[in-house]
Amino acid sequence: MPRLLRYLLIWLSCTAASVTAVMLTVHFVIGLTRPTPPAARSVQAVYPSPSVLVGVPASSVATAPKAPTTPASPSSPPPTTRTPSPSPSATRAPVTSTPRPSASKCSGGPGLHTVPSEGGKVTVQYGRDSVCFVSAVPDPGFRTSTSQSDPGTLVVVFTSDDHRSQITATVVPTARASVRETRL
């Protein structure tokens, strides 16, 4: 084999090996940095009594979580549903929520935002000209009340024996939320 052809084959094989190594490395690094979708975690649901919710109709408070339904084949046993019983030793605060706001009422705005305070967290969805209540999670020892005088303003208040957190979400003149902390 002529010397020039041998050098050419060696150069081609080394180039191919190095390009392959670089491509595999780039593929591996890009695979590690790809964002992953959020994973849902199951938690024991604790539902407050309807008297805890102010401004929310009692019919919108769920009494038990619904089990997902799947079509059963004729040979499979019927699906069973399990209702979790509230444990007296649960230390999580109850979660206050309403059904998902309609897409037409809260569309076109900045979207979903969570506002933290000392008394808990409120999640609201801003629309073009309205604020929709999504959920309120009080910290331990706090109670929650909500009020909405008009579609553009929502007020959520967390109260305890010695503290009050008031979160006001509005879209007038622009979408914003303000938090006012008060010692009682």
N, C-alpha and C. Protein backbone atom coordinates (compact mmCIF):
# COMPACT_ATOMS: atom_id res chain seq x y z
N MET A 1 0.85 -1.16 0.00
CA MET A 1 0.00 0.00 0.00
C MET A 1 0.91 1.24 0.00
N PRO A 2 0.60 2.16 -0.87
CA PRO A 2 1.46 3.35 -0.93
C PRO A 2 1.37 4.14 0.37
N ARG A 3 2.42 4.85 0.69
CA ARG A 3 2.55 5.59 1.93
C ARG A 3 1.49 6.69 2.05
N LEU A 4 1.23 7.43 0.98
CA LEU A 4 0.26 8.52 1.00
C LEU A 4 -1.15 8.00 1.29
N LEU A 5 -1.53 6.88 0.69
CA LEU A 5 -2.85 6.31 0.93
C LEU A 5 -2.99 5.84 2.39
N ARG A 6 -1.92 5.28 2.94
CA ARG A 6 -1.94 4.82 4.33
C ARG A 6 -2.13 6.01 5.28
N TYR A 7 -1.41 7.14 5.06
CA TYR A 7 -1.57 8.33 5.89
C TYR A 7 -2.99 8.91 5.76
N LEU A 8 -3.54 8.87 4.58
CA LEU A 8 -4.88 9.38 4.35
C LEU A 8 -5.92 8.53 5.13
N LEU A 9 -5.78 7.23 5.11
CA LEU A 9 -6.70 6.36 5.86
C LEU A 9 -6.57 6.56 7.37
N ILE A 10 -5.34 6.74 7.85
CA ILE A 10 -5.13 6.98 9.28
C ILE A 10 -5.78 8.31 9.67
N TRP A 11 -5.56 9.35 8.84
CA TRP A 11 -6.14 10.66 9.14
C TRP A 11 -7.67 10.59 9.13
N LEU A 12 -8.27 9.93 8.16
CA LEU A 12 -9.72 9.81 8.08
C LEU A 12 -10.30 9.05 9.28
N SER A 13 -9.64 7.98 9.70
CA SER A 13 -10.16 7.20 10.84
C SER A 13 -10.04 8.00 12.14
N CYS A 14 -8.96 8.74 12.33
CA CYS A 14 -8.81 9.57 13.53
C CYS A 14 -9.84 10.70 13.54
N THR A 15 -10.07 11.32 12.39
CA THR A 15 -11.05 12.39 12.29
C THR A 15 -12.46 11.86 12.58
N ALA A 16 -12.79 10.72 12.03
CA ALA A 16 -14.10 10.13 12.26
C ALA A 16 -14.29 9.77 13.74
N ALA A 17 -13.26 9.24 14.37
CA ALA A 17 -13.34 8.89 15.79
C ALA A 17 -13.52 10.14 16.65
N SER A 18 -12.79 11.21 16.36
CA SER A 18 -12.92 12.41 17.17
C SER A 18 -14.27 13.09 16.96
N VAL A 19 -14.78 13.13 15.72
CA VAL A 19 -16.10 13.71 15.47
C VAL A 19 -17.18 12.90 16.19
N THR A 20 -17.07 11.60 16.18
CA THR A 20 -18.03 10.74 16.88
C THR A 20 -18.00 11.01 18.38
N ALA A 21 -16.81 11.13 18.96
CA ALA A 21 -16.68 11.39 20.39
C ALA A 21 -17.29 12.74 20.76
N VAL A 22 -17.07 13.76 19.94
CA VAL A 22 -17.62 15.08 20.21
C VAL A 22 -19.14 15.05 20.11
N MET A 23 -19.69 14.40 19.10
CA MET A 23 -21.14 14.34 18.93
C MET A 23 -21.80 13.60 20.10
N LEU A 24 -21.20 12.50 20.55
CA LEU A 24 -21.76 11.78 21.69
C LEU A 24 -21.72 12.63 22.96
N THR A 25 -20.64 13.37 23.15
CA THR A 25 -20.52 14.24 24.32
C THR A 25 -21.55 15.35 24.28
N VAL A 26 -21.72 16.00 23.13
CA VAL A 26 -22.70 17.07 23.00
C VAL A 26 -24.11 16.52 23.22
N HIS A 27 -24.40 15.37 22.67
CA HIS A 27 -25.72 14.76 22.84
C HIS A 27 -25.98 14.46 24.33
N PHE A 28 -24.97 13.97 25.04
CA PHE A 28 -25.11 13.66 26.46
C PHE A 28 -25.36 14.93 27.27
N VAL A 29 -24.59 15.98 27.01
CA VAL A 29 -24.73 17.22 27.77
C VAL A 29 -26.08 17.88 27.49
N ILE A 30 -26.51 17.91 26.26
CA ILE A 30 -27.82 18.50 25.94
C ILE A 30 -28.93 17.68 26.58
N GLY A 31 -28.78 16.37 26.62
CA GLY A 31 -29.79 15.53 27.28
C GLY A 31 -29.89 15.80 28.76
N LEU A 32 -28.78 16.17 29.42
CA LEU A 32 -28.82 16.47 30.84
C LEU A 32 -29.44 17.82 31.14
N THR A 33 -29.32 18.77 30.24
CA THR A 33 -29.83 20.11 30.50
C THR A 33 -31.23 20.34 29.96
N ARG A 34 -31.84 19.36 29.35
CA ARG A 34 -33.20 19.50 28.84
C ARG A 34 -34.16 19.64 30.01
N PRO A 35 -35.04 20.63 29.96
CA PRO A 35 -35.97 20.80 31.08
C PRO A 35 -36.94 19.62 31.15
N THR A 36 -37.22 19.20 32.37
CA THR A 36 -38.15 18.09 32.57
C THR A 36 -39.48 18.65 33.04
N PRO A 37 -40.58 18.03 32.65
CA PRO A 37 -41.88 18.52 33.09
C PRO A 37 -42.03 18.29 34.60
N PRO A 38 -42.79 19.14 35.28
CA PRO A 38 -42.97 18.95 36.71
C PRO A 38 -43.72 17.65 37.01
N ALA A 39 -43.30 17.00 38.06
CA ALA A 39 -43.93 15.74 38.44
C ALA A 39 -44.97 16.00 39.52
N ALA A 40 -46.12 15.40 39.38
CA ALA A 40 -47.18 15.56 40.38
C ALA A 40 -46.91 14.61 41.53
N ARG A 41 -47.06 15.12 42.72
CA ARG A 41 -46.86 14.31 43.92
C ARG A 41 -48.20 14.12 44.60
N SER A 42 -48.42 12.95 45.13
CA SER A 42 -49.67 12.72 45.82
C SER A 42 -49.52 13.11 47.29
N VAL A 43 -50.49 13.85 47.79
CA VAL A 43 -50.49 14.29 49.17
C VAL A 43 -51.86 13.99 49.75
N GLN A 44 -51.89 13.80 51.04
CA GLN A 44 -53.18 13.58 51.67
C GLN A 44 -53.95 14.89 51.63
N ALA A 45 -55.15 14.84 51.12
CA ALA A 45 -55.97 16.05 50.99
C ALA A 45 -56.69 16.32 52.30
N VAL A 46 -56.64 17.57 52.75
CA VAL A 46 -57.35 18.00 53.94
C VAL A 46 -58.28 19.11 53.50
N TYR A 47 -59.56 18.93 53.70
CA TYR A 47 -60.53 19.91 53.26
C TYR A 47 -61.13 20.62 54.46
N PRO A 48 -61.20 21.94 54.40
CA PRO A 48 -61.78 22.69 55.51
C PRO A 48 -63.30 22.62 55.48
N SER A 49 -63.89 23.01 56.59
CA SER A 49 -65.35 23.09 56.61
C SER A 49 -65.77 24.30 55.80
N PRO A 50 -66.99 24.31 55.25
CA PRO A 50 -67.43 25.44 54.44
C PRO A 50 -67.45 26.76 55.20
N SER A 51 -67.52 26.72 56.53
CA SER A 51 -67.55 27.97 57.29
C SER A 51 -66.21 28.69 57.24
N VAL A 52 -65.13 27.99 56.89
CA VAL A 52 -63.81 28.61 56.79
C VAL A 52 -63.74 29.52 55.58
N LEU A 53 -64.48 29.21 54.55
CA LEU A 53 -64.42 29.97 53.31
C LEU A 53 -65.45 31.08 53.32
N VAL A 54 -64.98 32.30 53.22
CA VAL A 54 -65.89 33.43 53.17
C VAL A 54 -65.93 33.91 51.73
N GLY A 55 -67.09 34.08 51.19
CA GLY A 55 -67.22 34.53 49.81
C GLY A 55 -67.20 33.40 48.80
N VAL A 56 -67.10 32.16 49.27
CA VAL A 56 -67.09 31.01 48.37
C VAL A 56 -68.32 30.18 48.70
N PRO A 57 -69.17 29.88 47.73
CA PRO A 57 -70.36 29.08 48.01
C PRO A 57 -69.99 27.70 48.54
N ALA A 58 -70.81 27.20 49.46
CA ALA A 58 -70.53 25.89 50.07
C ALA A 58 -70.55 24.79 49.02
N SER A 59 -71.29 24.97 47.93
CA SER A 59 -71.36 23.93 46.91
C SER A 59 -70.05 23.78 46.15
N SER A 60 -69.15 24.81 46.22
CA SER A 60 -67.89 24.72 45.48
C SER A 60 -66.79 24.05 46.29
N VAL A 61 -67.05 23.71 47.55
CA VAL A 61 -66.06 23.04 48.37
C VAL A 61 -66.22 21.54 48.19
N ALA A 62 -65.14 20.86 47.82
CA ALA A 62 -65.20 19.41 47.60
C ALA A 62 -65.25 18.70 48.94
N THR A 63 -65.96 17.57 48.96
CA THR A 63 -66.04 16.81 50.20
C THR A 63 -65.06 15.66 50.20
N ALA A 64 -64.70 15.13 49.06
CA ALA A 64 -63.72 14.06 48.97
C ALA A 64 -63.12 14.09 47.58
N PRO A 65 -61.80 13.78 47.48
CA PRO A 65 -61.21 13.76 46.15
C PRO A 65 -61.77 12.63 45.32
N LYS A 66 -61.91 12.87 44.03
CA LYS A 66 -62.45 11.85 43.15
C LYS A 66 -61.31 11.00 42.60
N ALA A 67 -61.55 9.68 42.56
CA ALA A 67 -60.55 8.78 42.02
C ALA A 67 -60.62 8.82 40.50
N PRO A 68 -59.47 8.74 39.81
CA PRO A 68 -59.52 8.75 38.36
C PRO A 68 -60.24 7.52 37.84
N THR A 69 -61.02 7.70 36.79
CA THR A 69 -61.75 6.58 36.23
C THR A 69 -61.06 6.10 34.97
N THR A 70 -60.99 4.80 34.83
CA THR A 70 -60.40 4.19 33.64
C THR A 70 -61.39 3.17 33.12
N PRO A 71 -61.47 3.04 31.81
CA PRO A 71 -62.40 2.04 31.29
C PRO A 71 -61.93 0.65 31.68
N ALA A 72 -62.85 -0.15 32.19
CA ALA A 72 -62.49 -1.50 32.64
C ALA A 72 -62.81 -2.50 31.53
N SER A 73 -61.90 -3.42 31.35
CA SER A 73 -62.15 -4.48 30.37
C SER A 73 -63.02 -5.54 31.04
N PRO A 74 -63.69 -6.38 30.24
CA PRO A 74 -64.61 -7.36 30.83
C PRO A 74 -63.91 -8.34 31.76
N SER A 75 -62.62 -8.61 31.55
CA SER A 75 -61.93 -9.60 32.37
C SER A 75 -61.30 -9.00 33.61
N SER A 76 -61.22 -7.66 33.69
CA SER A 76 -60.58 -7.06 34.85
C SER A 76 -61.60 -6.83 35.96
N PRO A 77 -61.15 -6.85 37.22
CA PRO A 77 -62.08 -6.61 38.33
C PRO A 77 -62.51 -5.14 38.33
N PRO A 78 -63.65 -4.85 38.92
CA PRO A 78 -64.12 -3.45 38.94
C PRO A 78 -63.15 -2.59 39.74
N PRO A 79 -62.97 -1.34 39.31
CA PRO A 79 -62.04 -0.47 40.03
C PRO A 79 -62.59 -0.12 41.41
N THR A 80 -61.69 0.00 42.36
CA THR A 80 -62.10 0.34 43.70
C THR A 80 -61.72 1.78 43.97
N THR A 81 -62.53 2.47 44.74
CA THR A 81 -62.21 3.84 45.11
C THR A 81 -61.97 3.88 46.60
N ARG A 82 -61.00 4.68 46.98
CA ARG A 82 -60.65 4.80 48.38
C ARG A 82 -60.75 6.25 48.78
N THR A 83 -61.48 6.53 49.83
CA THR A 83 -61.60 7.88 50.34
C THR A 83 -60.69 8.01 51.55
N PRO A 84 -59.72 8.95 51.49
CA PRO A 84 -58.82 9.07 52.63
C PRO A 84 -59.56 9.66 53.83
N SER A 85 -59.30 9.09 55.00
CA SER A 85 -59.91 9.62 56.20
C SER A 85 -58.95 10.63 56.81
N PRO A 86 -59.46 11.76 57.25
CA PRO A 86 -58.57 12.76 57.82
C PRO A 86 -57.95 12.25 59.11
N SER A 87 -56.64 12.38 59.22
CA SER A 87 -55.97 11.89 60.40
C SER A 87 -55.90 13.00 61.44
N PRO A 88 -56.13 12.69 62.70
CA PRO A 88 -56.11 13.73 63.72
C PRO A 88 -54.72 14.29 63.94
N SER A 89 -53.68 13.57 63.55
CA SER A 89 -52.32 14.04 63.78
C SER A 89 -51.77 14.81 62.59
N ALA A 90 -52.61 15.11 61.61
CA ALA A 90 -52.12 15.83 60.44
C ALA A 90 -51.74 17.25 60.84
N THR A 91 -50.56 17.69 60.42
CA THR A 91 -50.09 19.02 60.78
C THR A 91 -50.18 19.97 59.61
N ARG A 92 -50.57 19.50 58.44
CA ARG A 92 -50.71 20.39 57.27
C ARG A 92 -51.94 21.26 57.43
N ALA A 93 -51.81 22.47 56.96
CA ALA A 93 -52.94 23.40 56.99
C ALA A 93 -53.90 23.04 55.86
N PRO A 94 -55.19 23.31 56.04
CA PRO A 94 -56.15 23.01 54.98
C PRO A 94 -55.91 23.89 53.76
N VAL A 95 -56.22 23.34 52.61
CA VAL A 95 -56.07 24.06 51.36
C VAL A 95 -57.45 24.55 50.93
N THR A 96 -57.55 25.83 50.66
CA THR A 96 -58.80 26.42 50.23
C THR A 96 -58.72 26.62 48.73
N SER A 97 -59.66 26.09 47.99
CA SER A 97 -59.63 26.30 46.54
C SER A 97 -61.03 26.31 45.98
N THR A 98 -61.14 26.90 44.81
CA THR A 98 -62.40 26.93 44.09
C THR A 98 -62.18 26.22 42.78
N PRO A 99 -63.26 25.91 42.06
CA PRO A 99 -63.07 25.29 40.75
C PRO A 99 -62.26 26.18 39.83
N ARG A 100 -61.61 25.59 38.86
CA ARG A 100 -60.78 26.32 37.90
C ARG A 100 -61.58 27.44 37.26
N PRO A 101 -60.99 28.64 37.16
CA PRO A 101 -61.72 29.73 36.52
C PRO A 101 -61.95 29.42 35.06
N SER A 102 -63.04 29.97 34.53
CA SER A 102 -63.34 29.72 33.13
C SER A 102 -62.29 30.38 32.25
N ALA A 103 -62.02 29.77 31.13
CA ALA A 103 -60.97 30.26 30.24
C ALA A 103 -61.30 31.64 29.69
N SER A 104 -62.58 31.93 29.44
CA SER A 104 -62.93 33.21 28.86
C SER A 104 -62.82 34.35 29.88
N LYS A 105 -63.09 34.09 31.13
CA LYS A 105 -63.07 35.13 32.15
C LYS A 105 -61.65 35.57 32.50
N CYS A 106 -60.73 34.65 32.58
CA CYS A 106 -59.37 34.97 33.02
C CYS A 106 -58.35 34.72 31.93
N SER A 107 -58.69 34.97 30.69
CA SER A 107 -57.72 34.76 29.62
C SER A 107 -57.20 36.10 29.14
N GLY A 108 -56.05 36.06 28.50
CA GLY A 108 -55.49 37.25 27.89
C GLY A 108 -54.67 38.10 28.82
N GLY A 109 -54.53 37.75 30.07
CA GLY A 109 -53.76 38.54 31.02
C GLY A 109 -52.39 37.93 31.27
N PRO A 110 -51.71 38.41 32.31
CA PRO A 110 -50.37 37.91 32.63
C PRO A 110 -50.34 36.44 33.05
N GLY A 111 -51.47 35.88 33.48
CA GLY A 111 -51.51 34.45 33.81
C GLY A 111 -51.54 34.17 35.29
N LEU A 112 -51.03 33.00 35.67
CA LEU A 112 -51.10 32.47 37.02
C LEU A 112 -49.94 32.98 37.87
N HIS A 113 -50.23 33.46 39.08
CA HIS A 113 -49.20 33.96 39.99
C HIS A 113 -49.50 33.52 41.41
N THR A 114 -48.45 33.19 42.17
CA THR A 114 -48.58 32.84 43.57
C THR A 114 -47.95 33.96 44.39
N VAL A 115 -48.69 34.44 45.38
CA VAL A 115 -48.25 35.56 46.21
C VAL A 115 -48.03 35.04 47.64
N PRO A 116 -46.79 35.07 48.14
CA PRO A 116 -46.53 34.60 49.51
C PRO A 116 -46.74 35.72 50.53
N SER A 117 -47.08 35.31 51.75
CA SER A 117 -47.19 36.25 52.88
C SER A 117 -46.84 35.47 54.14
N GLU A 118 -46.82 36.17 55.29
CA GLU A 118 -46.52 35.48 56.55
C GLU A 118 -47.63 34.51 56.93
N GLY A 119 -48.86 34.78 56.50
CA GLY A 119 -50.00 33.94 56.85
C GLY A 119 -50.26 32.79 55.91
N GLY A 120 -49.66 32.81 54.71
CA GLY A 120 -49.87 31.74 53.75
C GLY A 120 -49.61 32.20 52.33
N LYS A 121 -50.02 31.38 51.38
CA LYS A 121 -49.81 31.68 49.97
C LYS A 121 -51.14 31.70 49.24
N VAL A 122 -51.28 32.64 48.30
CA VAL A 122 -52.48 32.75 47.48
C VAL A 122 -52.07 32.60 46.03
N THR A 123 -52.81 31.82 45.26
CA THR A 123 -52.58 31.70 43.83
C THR A 123 -53.78 32.29 43.11
N VAL A 124 -53.48 33.24 42.22
CA VAL A 124 -54.52 33.90 41.45
C VAL A 124 -54.17 33.85 39.97
N GLN A 125 -55.17 33.97 39.14
CA GLN A 125 -54.95 34.05 37.70
C GLN A 125 -55.45 35.40 37.23
N TYR A 126 -54.54 36.15 36.62
CA TYR A 126 -54.90 37.47 36.11
C TYR A 126 -55.42 37.32 34.69
N GLY A 127 -56.56 37.92 34.42
CA GLY A 127 -57.11 37.98 33.07
C GLY A 127 -56.93 39.39 32.53
N ARG A 128 -57.53 39.65 31.39
CA ARG A 128 -57.44 40.98 30.79
C ARG A 128 -58.06 42.04 31.71
N ASP A 129 -59.25 41.74 32.24
CA ASP A 129 -59.93 42.71 33.09
C ASP A 129 -60.57 42.08 34.33
N SER A 130 -60.02 40.92 34.76
CA SER A 130 -60.54 40.29 35.97
C SER A 130 -59.43 39.48 36.65
N VAL A 131 -59.65 39.23 37.94
CA VAL A 131 -58.75 38.40 38.75
C VAL A 131 -59.55 37.19 39.20
N CYS A 132 -59.02 36.00 38.96
CA CYS A 132 -59.72 34.77 39.36
C CYS A 132 -58.96 34.11 40.50
N PHE A 133 -59.67 33.75 41.55
CA PHE A 133 -59.10 33.06 42.70
C PHE A 133 -58.86 31.60 42.33
N VAL A 134 -57.64 31.11 42.58
CA VAL A 134 -57.33 29.71 42.30
C VAL A 134 -57.22 28.93 43.60
N SER A 135 -56.37 29.37 44.54
CA SER A 135 -56.25 28.66 45.82
C SER A 135 -55.61 29.56 46.87
N ALA A 136 -55.84 29.19 48.13
CA ALA A 136 -55.21 29.86 49.27
C ALA A 136 -54.76 28.77 50.22
N VAL A 137 -53.48 28.80 50.60
CA VAL A 137 -52.92 27.80 51.50
C VAL A 137 -52.43 28.53 52.76
N PRO A 138 -53.20 28.46 53.84
CA PRO A 138 -52.78 29.15 55.07
C PRO A 138 -51.67 28.38 55.77
N ASP A 139 -50.79 29.12 56.44
CA ASP A 139 -49.77 28.50 57.28
C ASP A 139 -50.45 27.97 58.54
N PRO A 140 -49.80 27.06 59.27
CA PRO A 140 -50.42 26.52 60.49
C PRO A 140 -50.79 27.64 61.46
N GLY A 141 -52.00 27.56 62.00
CA GLY A 141 -52.49 28.54 62.95
C GLY A 141 -53.23 29.71 62.33
N PHE A 142 -53.33 29.75 61.01
CA PHE A 142 -54.01 30.85 60.32
C PHE A 142 -55.34 30.38 59.74
N ARG A 143 -56.29 31.32 59.67
CA ARG A 143 -57.58 31.09 59.03
C ARG A 143 -57.62 31.93 57.75
N THR A 144 -58.44 31.52 56.79
CA THR A 144 -58.50 32.21 55.50
C THR A 144 -59.89 32.76 55.25
N SER A 145 -59.94 33.97 54.68
CA SER A 145 -61.20 34.51 54.19
C SER A 145 -60.92 35.23 52.88
N THR A 146 -61.88 35.17 51.96
CA THR A 146 -61.72 35.82 50.67
C THR A 146 -62.93 36.70 50.40
N SER A 147 -62.71 37.75 49.63
CA SER A 147 -63.82 38.58 49.19
C SER A 147 -63.45 39.19 47.84
N GLN A 148 -64.46 39.37 47.00
CA GLN A 148 -64.25 39.94 45.68
C GLN A 148 -65.40 40.90 45.41
N SER A 149 -65.11 42.20 45.59
CA SER A 149 -66.15 43.22 45.43
C SER A 149 -66.50 43.44 43.96
N ASP A 150 -65.51 43.30 43.09
CA ASP A 150 -65.76 43.39 41.65
C ASP A 150 -64.80 42.43 40.96
N PRO A 151 -65.03 42.11 39.69
CA PRO A 151 -64.19 41.12 39.01
C PRO A 151 -62.71 41.51 38.91
N GLY A 152 -62.41 42.80 39.04
CA GLY A 152 -61.03 43.25 38.88
C GLY A 152 -60.22 43.28 40.16
N THR A 153 -60.83 43.00 41.32
CA THR A 153 -60.12 43.08 42.61
C THR A 153 -60.50 41.89 43.48
N LEU A 154 -59.50 41.24 44.05
CA LEU A 154 -59.70 40.10 44.95
C LEU A 154 -58.89 40.36 46.22
N VAL A 155 -59.52 40.14 47.38
CA VAL A 155 -58.85 40.33 48.66
C VAL A 155 -58.89 38.99 49.41
N VAL A 156 -57.70 38.52 49.85
CA VAL A 156 -57.60 37.30 50.65
C VAL A 156 -56.93 37.69 51.96
N VAL A 157 -57.52 37.28 53.09
CA VAL A 157 -57.00 37.64 54.40
C VAL A 157 -56.69 36.37 55.18
N PHE A 158 -55.45 36.29 55.70
CA PHE A 158 -55.05 35.21 56.60
C PHE A 158 -54.98 35.83 57.99
N THR A 159 -55.68 35.23 58.97
CA THR A 159 -55.66 35.77 60.33
C THR A 159 -55.30 34.67 61.32
N SER A 160 -54.57 35.08 62.34
CA SER A 160 -54.27 34.21 63.48
C SER A 160 -54.58 35.01 64.73
N ASP A 161 -54.22 34.50 65.89
CA ASP A 161 -54.52 35.22 67.13
C ASP A 161 -53.74 36.52 67.24
N ASP A 162 -52.54 36.59 66.64
CA ASP A 162 -51.72 37.79 66.80
C ASP A 162 -51.21 38.39 65.49
N HIS A 163 -51.69 37.90 64.35
CA HIS A 163 -51.19 38.43 63.08
C HIS A 163 -52.28 38.40 62.01
N ARG A 164 -52.18 39.35 61.08
CA ARG A 164 -53.12 39.42 59.95
C ARG A 164 -52.34 39.74 58.69
N SER A 165 -52.53 38.93 57.66
CA SER A 165 -51.92 39.16 56.35
C SER A 165 -53.04 39.40 55.35
N GLN A 166 -53.01 40.55 54.67
CA GLN A 166 -54.03 40.86 53.68
C GLN A 166 -53.37 40.98 52.32
N ILE A 167 -53.81 40.16 51.37
CA ILE A 167 -53.28 40.17 50.01
C ILE A 167 -54.39 40.70 49.10
N THR A 168 -54.08 41.77 48.38
CA THR A 168 -55.03 42.36 47.45
C THR A 168 -54.48 42.22 46.04
N ALA A 169 -55.19 41.49 45.19
CA ALA A 169 -54.80 41.30 43.79
C ALA A 169 -55.76 42.09 42.93
N THR A 170 -55.22 42.86 42.01
CA THR A 170 -56.06 43.70 41.16
C THR A 170 -55.49 43.78 39.75
N VAL A 171 -56.34 44.14 38.81
CA VAL A 171 -55.89 44.37 37.43
C VAL A 171 -56.08 45.83 37.04
N VAL A 172 -56.49 46.67 38.02
CA VAL A 172 -56.72 48.08 37.75
C VAL A 172 -55.63 48.89 38.42
N PRO A 173 -54.83 49.68 37.80
CA PRO A 173 -54.72 49.95 36.37
C PRO A 173 -53.88 48.88 35.65
N THR A 174 -53.10 48.12 36.42
CA THR A 174 -52.30 47.04 35.84
C THR A 174 -52.34 45.85 36.78
N ALA A 175 -52.01 44.66 36.30
CA ALA A 175 -52.06 43.46 37.13
C ALA A 175 -50.96 43.53 38.19
N ARG A 176 -51.38 43.49 39.47
CA ARG A 176 -50.42 43.54 40.56
C ARG A 176 -51.07 42.99 41.82
N ALA A 177 -50.22 42.67 42.79
CA ALA A 177 -50.70 42.20 44.09
C ALA A 177 -49.94 42.94 45.17
N SER A 178 -50.64 43.31 46.23
CA SER A 178 -50.00 43.96 47.37
C SER A 178 -50.27 43.14 48.62
N VAL A 179 -49.27 43.10 49.50
CA VAL A 179 -49.38 42.35 50.75
C VAL A 179 -49.25 43.34 51.90
N ARG A 180 -50.19 43.29 52.85
CA ARG A 180 -50.12 44.14 54.04
C ARG A 180 -50.11 43.24 55.26
N GLU A 181 -49.03 43.32 56.03
CA GLU A 181 -48.86 42.52 57.25
C GLU A 181 -49.18 43.39 58.45
N THR A 182 -50.00 42.88 59.41
CA THR A 182 -50.38 43.65 60.58
C THR A 182 -50.28 42.77 61.83
N ARG A 183 -49.63 43.30 62.86
CA ARG A 183 -49.61 42.61 64.16
C ARG A 183 -50.85 43.03 64.95
N LEU A 184 -51.55 42.07 65.52
CA LEU A 184 -52.77 42.38 66.28
C LEU A 184 -52.49 42.54 67.75
